[in-house]
N, C-alpha and C. Protein backbone atom coordinates (compact mmCIF):
# COMPACT_ATOMS: atom_id res chain seq x y z
N MET A 1 66.46 199.57 147.68
CA MET A 1 66.65 199.10 148.85
C MET A 1 67.52 199.67 149.73
N SER A 2 67.54 200.05 150.77
CA SER A 2 68.37 200.56 152.06
C SER A 2 69.06 199.35 152.50
N THR A 3 70.79 199.75 152.74
CA THR A 3 71.57 198.85 153.28
C THR A 3 71.10 198.63 155.09
N GLU A 4 70.74 197.54 155.27
CA GLU A 4 69.95 196.79 156.54
C GLU A 4 71.19 196.09 157.47
N VAL A 5 71.28 196.67 158.66
CA VAL A 5 72.49 196.20 159.52
C VAL A 5 71.57 195.68 161.06
N ILE A 6 72.24 194.79 161.36
CA ILE A 6 71.51 194.17 162.46
C ILE A 6 72.09 195.53 163.85
N ASP A 7 70.89 195.84 164.80
CA ASP A 7 70.53 196.89 165.54
C ASP A 7 71.77 195.98 167.12
N ILE A 8 72.68 196.04 166.96
CA ILE A 8 73.28 195.49 168.35
C ILE A 8 72.94 196.06 169.36
N ASP A 9 73.10 197.69 169.50
CA ASP A 9 72.59 198.41 170.91
C ASP A 9 71.20 198.14 171.40
N GLY A 10 70.63 197.37 170.20
CA GLY A 10 69.16 197.37 170.94
C GLY A 10 69.24 195.77 171.30
N LEU A 11 69.88 194.66 170.77
CA LEU A 11 70.14 193.28 171.57
C LEU A 11 71.18 194.06 172.88
N LYS A 12 71.70 194.58 173.07
CA LYS A 12 72.73 194.82 174.18
C LYS A 12 71.55 195.86 175.19
N ARG A 13 70.61 196.50 175.08
CA ARG A 13 69.64 197.08 175.66
C ARG A 13 68.61 196.07 176.06
N LEU A 14 68.25 195.16 175.24
CA LEU A 14 67.11 194.40 175.51
C LEU A 14 67.82 193.10 176.81
N SER A 15 69.21 192.69 176.55
CA SER A 15 69.80 191.80 177.50
C SER A 15 70.47 192.27 178.63
N GLY A 16 70.35 193.77 178.85
CA GLY A 16 70.92 194.15 179.95
C GLY A 16 72.24 194.53 179.76
N ASN A 17 73.09 194.48 178.74
CA ASN A 17 74.36 194.67 178.42
C ASN A 17 74.82 193.30 178.42
N ASP A 18 74.32 192.09 178.45
CA ASP A 18 75.23 190.89 178.75
C ASP A 18 75.51 190.44 177.26
N SER A 19 76.88 190.52 176.80
CA SER A 19 77.41 189.82 175.92
C SER A 19 77.09 188.56 175.39
N GLY A 20 77.40 187.48 176.58
CA GLY A 20 77.14 186.34 176.26
C GLY A 20 75.74 186.12 175.30
N PHE A 21 75.11 186.92 176.17
CA PHE A 21 73.30 186.66 175.82
C PHE A 21 73.16 187.17 174.03
N VAL A 22 73.81 188.43 174.01
CA VAL A 22 74.18 189.06 172.16
C VAL A 22 74.74 187.94 171.54
N SER A 23 75.63 187.29 172.01
CA SER A 23 76.95 186.24 171.21
C SER A 23 75.62 184.82 171.02
N GLU A 24 75.13 184.73 171.83
CA GLU A 24 73.99 183.52 171.46
C GLU A 24 72.94 183.98 170.36
N ILE A 25 72.28 184.95 170.75
CA ILE A 25 71.31 185.51 169.65
C ILE A 25 71.54 185.45 168.42
N LEU A 26 73.35 186.08 168.35
CA LEU A 26 73.38 186.22 166.81
C LEU A 26 73.95 184.82 166.39
N LYS A 27 74.31 184.13 167.17
CA LYS A 27 74.96 182.58 166.73
C LYS A 27 73.67 182.05 165.91
N LEU A 28 72.81 181.77 166.91
CA LEU A 28 71.07 181.08 166.60
C LEU A 28 70.71 181.84 165.06
N TYR A 29 70.82 183.31 165.05
CA TYR A 29 70.57 183.59 164.10
C TYR A 29 71.18 183.39 162.94
N THR A 30 72.51 183.05 162.83
CA THR A 30 73.23 182.98 161.72
C THR A 30 72.70 181.14 161.71
N GLU A 31 72.87 180.36 162.36
CA GLU A 31 72.53 178.98 162.20
C GLU A 31 71.19 179.23 161.25
N ARG A 32 69.93 179.54 162.04
CA ARG A 32 68.76 179.42 161.45
C ARG A 32 68.61 180.43 159.98
N THR A 33 69.13 181.72 160.08
CA THR A 33 68.91 181.91 158.81
C THR A 33 69.47 181.28 157.35
N ALA A 34 71.02 180.81 157.78
CA ALA A 34 71.66 179.97 156.86
C ALA A 34 70.94 178.68 156.27
N LYS A 35 70.08 178.36 157.12
CA LYS A 35 69.10 176.96 156.86
C LYS A 35 67.64 177.74 156.16
N ASP A 36 67.05 179.08 157.12
CA ASP A 36 65.97 179.44 156.41
C ASP A 36 66.20 180.06 155.17
N LEU A 37 67.43 180.31 154.27
CA LEU A 37 67.21 180.62 153.51
C LEU A 37 67.16 180.01 152.05
N PHE A 38 68.16 178.56 152.66
CA PHE A 38 67.98 177.42 151.84
C PHE A 38 66.62 176.94 151.60
N GLU A 39 66.05 176.89 152.72
CA GLU A 39 64.51 176.20 152.84
C GLU A 39 63.67 177.04 152.21
N LEU A 40 63.77 178.23 152.00
CA LEU A 40 62.91 179.32 151.24
C LEU A 40 63.25 179.14 149.86
N GLN A 41 64.45 179.11 149.42
CA GLN A 41 64.94 178.66 147.90
C GLN A 41 64.70 177.48 147.43
N THR A 42 64.55 176.42 148.10
CA THR A 42 63.86 175.23 148.23
C THR A 42 62.27 175.11 147.73
N ALA A 43 61.61 175.73 148.84
CA ALA A 43 59.76 175.63 148.75
C ALA A 43 59.60 177.08 147.73
N ARG A 44 60.50 177.74 147.47
CA ARG A 44 60.09 178.76 145.86
C ARG A 44 60.43 177.73 144.78
N GLY A 45 61.38 177.43 144.82
CA GLY A 45 61.85 176.38 143.65
C GLY A 45 60.63 175.65 142.83
N LEU A 46 59.69 175.21 144.02
CA LEU A 46 58.81 173.82 144.08
C LEU A 46 57.45 174.33 143.89
N SER A 47 57.79 176.43 144.04
CA SER A 47 56.42 176.98 144.05
C SER A 47 55.34 176.16 145.10
N ASP A 48 56.17 175.71 146.67
CA ASP A 48 55.53 175.43 147.35
C ASP A 48 55.10 176.37 148.21
N TRP A 49 53.89 177.31 147.86
CA TRP A 49 53.71 178.70 148.52
C TRP A 49 53.42 178.20 150.30
N ASN A 50 52.79 177.08 150.89
CA ASN A 50 52.54 176.81 152.36
C ASN A 50 54.15 176.82 152.99
N GLY A 51 54.74 176.10 152.12
CA GLY A 51 56.32 176.12 152.40
C GLY A 51 56.72 177.61 152.82
N VAL A 52 56.68 178.37 152.32
CA VAL A 52 57.16 179.93 151.72
C VAL A 52 56.74 180.63 152.82
N ARG A 53 55.59 180.36 153.00
CA ARG A 53 54.74 181.35 154.14
C ARG A 53 55.21 180.75 155.46
N PHE A 54 55.98 179.35 155.43
CA PHE A 54 55.72 178.87 156.74
C PHE A 54 57.53 179.43 157.15
N VAL A 55 58.10 179.33 156.45
CA VAL A 55 59.33 180.01 156.61
C VAL A 55 59.79 181.32 156.19
N VAL A 56 58.98 182.24 156.15
CA VAL A 56 59.04 183.77 156.15
C VAL A 56 58.41 184.18 157.61
N HIS A 57 57.17 183.15 157.90
CA HIS A 57 56.94 183.65 159.74
C HIS A 57 57.79 183.30 160.47
N ARG A 58 58.30 182.16 160.51
CA ARG A 58 60.10 181.76 161.12
C ARG A 58 60.69 182.89 161.21
N MET A 59 61.27 183.56 159.80
CA MET A 59 62.24 183.87 159.68
C MET A 59 61.91 185.75 160.34
N ARG A 60 60.36 185.96 160.06
CA ARG A 60 60.26 187.24 160.32
C ARG A 60 60.43 187.60 162.36
N SER A 61 59.75 185.99 162.79
CA SER A 61 60.14 186.00 164.77
C SER A 61 61.60 186.26 164.34
N ALA A 62 62.89 186.10 164.08
CA ALA A 62 63.96 185.85 164.55
C ALA A 62 64.63 187.51 163.90
N ALA A 63 63.54 188.00 163.08
CA ALA A 63 64.43 189.33 162.72
C ALA A 63 63.92 190.38 163.43
N VAL A 64 62.82 190.03 164.07
CA VAL A 64 62.26 191.24 164.95
C VAL A 64 62.90 191.95 165.98
N PRO A 65 63.45 190.46 166.71
CA PRO A 65 64.62 191.27 167.93
C PRO A 65 65.67 192.24 167.70
N LEU A 66 66.06 191.55 166.11
CA LEU A 66 67.59 192.36 165.43
C LEU A 66 67.50 193.79 165.21
N GLY A 67 66.08 194.03 164.77
CA GLY A 67 65.73 195.61 164.59
C GLY A 67 65.96 195.83 163.01
N LEU A 68 65.62 194.49 162.59
CA LEU A 68 65.61 194.28 160.99
C LEU A 68 64.24 194.80 160.62
N LYS A 69 64.32 196.44 160.24
CA LYS A 69 62.66 196.66 160.27
C LYS A 69 62.17 196.67 158.64
N GLU A 70 62.95 196.68 157.80
CA GLU A 70 62.82 196.47 155.80
C GLU A 70 62.39 194.67 156.28
N LEU A 71 63.18 194.47 156.15
CA LEU A 71 63.54 192.82 156.37
C LEU A 71 61.65 192.21 157.10
N VAL A 72 61.48 192.75 158.15
CA VAL A 72 60.16 192.69 159.16
C VAL A 72 58.96 192.75 158.15
N VAL A 73 59.11 194.06 157.81
CA VAL A 73 57.88 194.86 156.96
C VAL A 73 57.79 193.91 155.54
N LEU A 74 58.04 193.02 154.34
CA LEU A 74 58.47 192.37 153.79
C LEU A 74 57.95 190.91 153.62
N LEU A 75 58.95 190.77 155.19
CA LEU A 75 58.30 189.10 155.18
C LEU A 75 56.81 188.93 155.86
N ARG A 76 56.52 190.25 156.59
CA ARG A 76 54.56 190.14 157.19
C ARG A 76 54.21 190.42 155.58
N LYS A 77 54.39 191.10 154.70
CA LYS A 77 53.87 191.37 153.52
C LYS A 77 53.40 190.21 152.63
N VAL A 78 54.58 189.33 152.51
CA VAL A 78 54.44 187.85 151.97
C VAL A 78 53.71 186.75 152.66
N GLU A 79 54.10 187.32 153.89
CA GLU A 79 53.13 186.19 154.86
C GLU A 79 51.99 186.51 154.49
N ASN A 80 51.09 187.52 154.77
CA ASN A 80 49.68 188.12 154.41
C ASN A 80 49.41 187.43 153.02
N GLN A 81 49.95 188.17 152.06
CA GLN A 81 49.76 187.80 151.07
C GLN A 81 49.50 186.19 150.25
N LEU A 82 50.33 185.41 150.78
CA LEU A 82 50.43 183.65 150.29
C LEU A 82 49.22 183.21 151.42
N ARG A 83 48.91 183.83 152.75
CA ARG A 83 47.52 183.65 153.83
C ARG A 83 46.49 183.47 152.52
N GLU A 84 46.11 185.08 151.84
CA GLU A 84 45.32 184.98 151.01
C GLU A 84 45.59 184.61 149.34
N GLU A 85 46.38 183.47 149.57
CA GLU A 85 46.76 182.78 148.20
C GLU A 85 46.94 183.77 146.94
N ASP A 86 47.44 184.74 147.35
CA ASP A 86 47.81 185.81 146.01
C ASP A 86 49.59 185.97 146.14
N ILE A 87 50.20 185.28 144.95
CA ILE A 87 51.03 185.31 144.59
C ILE A 87 51.39 185.90 143.96
N GLN A 88 51.08 187.14 143.23
CA GLN A 88 51.32 187.97 142.19
C GLN A 88 52.41 189.02 143.20
N GLY A 89 53.34 189.37 142.40
CA GLY A 89 54.76 190.32 142.78
C GLY A 89 55.27 189.24 143.91
N VAL A 90 55.21 188.08 144.68
CA VAL A 90 55.67 187.73 145.94
C VAL A 90 57.01 187.28 145.46
N GLU A 91 57.44 187.21 144.20
CA GLU A 91 58.55 186.48 143.58
C GLU A 91 59.99 187.57 143.90
N ASN A 92 58.91 188.90 143.70
CA ASN A 92 59.85 189.55 143.63
C ASN A 92 60.38 190.45 144.59
N HIS A 93 59.55 190.41 146.07
CA HIS A 93 59.77 190.27 147.21
C HIS A 93 60.64 189.39 147.65
N LEU A 94 60.70 187.99 147.41
CA LEU A 94 61.23 187.06 148.19
C LEU A 94 63.12 187.46 147.65
N ASP A 95 62.98 187.93 146.48
CA ASP A 95 64.53 188.69 145.67
C ASP A 95 65.05 189.03 147.00
N ASP A 96 64.16 190.52 147.40
CA ASP A 96 64.61 191.53 147.91
C ASP A 96 64.97 190.84 149.52
N ILE A 97 64.24 190.00 150.40
CA ILE A 97 63.86 189.07 151.28
C ILE A 97 65.40 188.40 151.03
N SER A 98 65.70 187.55 150.35
CA SER A 98 66.85 186.95 150.32
C SER A 98 68.16 187.63 150.35
N SER A 99 67.67 188.99 149.60
CA SER A 99 69.01 189.76 149.61
C SER A 99 69.44 190.58 150.55
N ILE A 100 68.18 190.94 151.88
CA ILE A 100 68.36 191.53 153.05
C ILE A 100 68.91 190.81 153.83
N ALA A 101 68.25 189.25 153.82
CA ALA A 101 68.85 188.29 154.78
C ALA A 101 70.02 188.03 154.81
N SER A 102 70.54 188.02 153.51
CA SER A 102 72.31 187.50 153.18
C SER A 102 72.77 188.59 154.29
N HIS A 103 72.76 189.40 153.81
CA HIS A 103 73.06 190.70 154.32
C HIS A 103 73.50 190.84 155.60
N ALA A 104 72.45 190.48 156.24
CA ALA A 104 71.91 190.28 157.69
C ALA A 104 73.10 189.04 158.64
N LEU A 105 72.74 187.96 157.48
CA LEU A 105 73.40 186.94 158.02
C LEU A 105 75.03 187.42 158.10
N GLU A 106 75.36 187.95 157.15
CA GLU A 106 76.98 188.68 157.21
C GLU A 106 77.30 189.46 157.94
N ASP A 107 75.94 190.49 158.41
CA ASP A 107 76.59 191.17 159.08
C ASP A 107 77.00 190.83 160.77
N ALA A 108 76.04 189.44 160.69
CA ALA A 108 75.58 188.91 162.07
C ALA A 108 76.82 188.19 162.29
N GLN A 109 77.49 187.54 161.37
CA GLN A 109 78.97 186.81 161.55
C GLN A 109 80.17 187.79 162.18
N SER A 110 79.82 188.87 161.35
CA SER A 110 80.77 189.94 161.51
C SER A 110 80.55 190.35 163.00
N LYS A 111 79.53 190.59 163.41
CA LYS A 111 79.53 191.44 164.69
C LYS A 111 79.56 190.17 165.77
N LEU A 112 79.47 188.89 165.49
CA LEU A 112 80.07 187.86 166.62
C LEU A 112 81.12 187.92 166.69
N GLN A 113 82.26 187.99 166.03
CA GLN A 113 83.57 188.58 165.86
C GLN A 113 83.95 189.62 167.09
N THR A 114 83.25 190.59 167.30
CA THR A 114 83.35 191.88 168.28
C THR A 114 82.86 191.61 169.50
N VAL A 115 81.75 190.59 169.59
CA VAL A 115 80.94 190.75 171.05
C VAL A 115 81.86 190.25 171.88
């Protein structure tokens, strides 16, 4: 798994170099991702696969504009598997998702200090 960081340049292009917009997106991402990671672990612990699918869908929507391609691919894969009620290998993917999302969360918090 590669080290993944938020594409801050992509966010700047998306916003027309509006640092206030970039800061707000990063702030919203940090708040939502912290909650999503908690909800993901809770649903996973309860084997609530519909709950997991709901959270990974929401996480994917948030990761796309930040350029987190590897995370988006994994989230889409898990979402599709769970839609088909196929849980084989999902646990391993959830470990990877949690790791990448945690790293992205740290990166977003760090970038908030510099925007």
